[in-house]
Protein backbone atom coordinates (compact mmCIF):
# COMPACT_ATOMS: atom_id res chain seq x y z
CA MET A 1 -68.14 2.32 148.24
CA ILE A 2 -67.08 3.91 144.94
CA ALA A 3 -63.43 3.12 145.68
CA VAL A 4 -64.30 -0.51 146.37
CA GLY A 5 -66.29 -0.72 143.12
CA ILE A 6 -63.43 0.79 141.08
CA SER A 7 -60.86 -1.48 142.71
CA LEU A 8 -63.12 -4.49 142.06
CA VAL A 9 -63.37 -3.60 138.35
CA ILE A 10 -59.60 -3.05 138.10
CA PHE A 11 -58.88 -6.32 139.92
CA THR A 12 -61.30 -8.23 137.68
CA LEU A 13 -59.73 -6.79 134.50
CA ALA A 14 -56.21 -7.45 135.74
CA THR A 15 -57.07 -11.05 136.65
CA GLY A 16 -58.68 -11.62 133.24
CA ILE A 17 -55.67 -10.18 131.38
CA LEU A 18 -53.28 -12.29 133.46
CA TYR A 19 -55.36 -15.43 132.78
CA LEU A 20 -55.46 -14.83 129.03
CA ARG A 21 -51.70 -14.07 128.88
CA LEU A 22 -50.93 -17.23 130.82
CA HIS A 23 -53.29 -19.24 128.63
CA ALA A 24 -51.61 -17.94 125.44
CA LEU A 25 -48.10 -18.71 126.71
CA PRO A 26 -47.67 -21.98 124.74
CA ASP A 27 -48.76 -20.19 121.55
CA ARG A 28 -45.92 -17.68 121.92
CA ILE A 29 -43.34 -20.40 122.63
CA ALA A 30 -44.15 -22.73 119.69
CA HIS A 31 -41.39 -22.84 117.06
CA ASN A 32 -42.69 -23.81 113.62
CA LYS A 33 -46.04 -23.56 111.86
CA ILE A 34 -47.28 -27.13 112.31
CA GLN A 35 -46.29 -27.14 115.96
CA LEU A 36 -48.03 -23.79 116.46
CA GLN A 37 -51.25 -25.12 114.93
CA VAL A 38 -51.29 -28.18 117.19
CA VAL A 39 -50.50 -26.07 120.27
CA CYS A 40 -53.29 -23.62 119.37
CA VAL A 41 -55.80 -26.45 118.99
CA LEU A 42 -54.78 -27.85 122.38
CA GLY A 43 -55.14 -24.39 123.89
CA LEU A 44 -58.63 -24.00 122.48
CA LEU A 45 -59.61 -27.44 123.74
CA ALA A 46 -58.31 -26.51 127.18
CA MET A 47 -60.22 -23.24 127.15
CA PHE A 48 -63.54 -24.70 126.03
CA THR A 49 -63.47 -27.95 128.01
CA HIS A 50 -61.77 -26.59 131.17
CA MET A 51 -59.48 -29.63 131.18
CA HIS A 52 -56.01 -28.45 132.11
CA ILE A 53 -54.31 -31.52 130.67
CA PHE A 54 -54.73 -30.07 127.16
CA TRP A 55 -53.00 -26.84 128.21
CA ILE A 56 -50.19 -28.79 129.88
CA ALA A 57 -49.78 -30.96 126.76
CA GLY A 58 -49.65 -27.83 124.60
CA LEU A 59 -47.06 -26.25 126.87
CA LEU A 60 -44.88 -29.38 126.82
CA LEU A 61 -45.23 -29.63 123.04
CA ALA A 62 -44.27 -25.97 122.67
CA PHE A 63 -41.04 -26.55 124.61
CA VAL A 64 -40.04 -29.56 122.49
CA ASP A 65 -38.25 -28.59 119.30
CA ILE A 66 -39.59 -30.90 116.58
CA PRO A 67 -36.82 -31.76 114.10
CA ASP A 68 -37.21 -30.98 110.40
CA LEU A 69 -37.96 -34.31 108.75
CA ILE A 70 -39.27 -32.98 105.44
CA GLY A 71 -36.03 -31.19 104.42
CA PRO A 72 -33.81 -34.28 104.24
CA ILE A 73 -36.54 -36.25 102.47
CA LYS A 74 -36.87 -33.52 99.83
CA ARG A 75 -33.08 -33.59 99.30
CA ILE A 76 -33.16 -37.38 98.91
CA VAL A 77 -35.96 -37.10 96.36
CA ALA A 78 -34.09 -34.41 94.42
CA ALA A 79 -30.88 -36.46 94.40
CA THR A 80 -32.78 -39.56 93.28
CA GLU A 81 -34.39 -37.59 90.45
CA VAL A 82 -30.95 -36.35 89.35
CA ILE A 83 -29.55 -39.88 89.39
CA ALA A 84 -32.57 -41.25 87.53
CA GLY A 85 -32.38 -38.45 84.98
CA ALA A 86 -28.69 -39.10 84.43
CA SER A 87 -29.24 -42.83 83.89
CA ILE A 88 -32.10 -42.23 81.44
CA ASN A 89 -30.09 -39.75 79.38
CA HIS A 90 -26.98 -41.99 79.29
CA PRO A 91 -28.02 -45.64 78.99
CA LYS A 92 -25.29 -48.21 79.32
């Protein structure tokens, strides 16, 4: 009976660790900070509501590499500021 009790405790711990590692899988896959935050929120929603669609959505979002849209916009703004500064300093 002691062996069964010990094996039951070990099995329960192993199952819990496996569940938590599987549940945190999208968090480890996410690429950038914003994507990680959205995936973590979806993971928490899935954990607290027991709706697996949130976990699946987080996993799919973690696999998709979101392109950097802010970088090119910042370069456009910087170039526009340079052009505007050049036209203000040298009026025609």
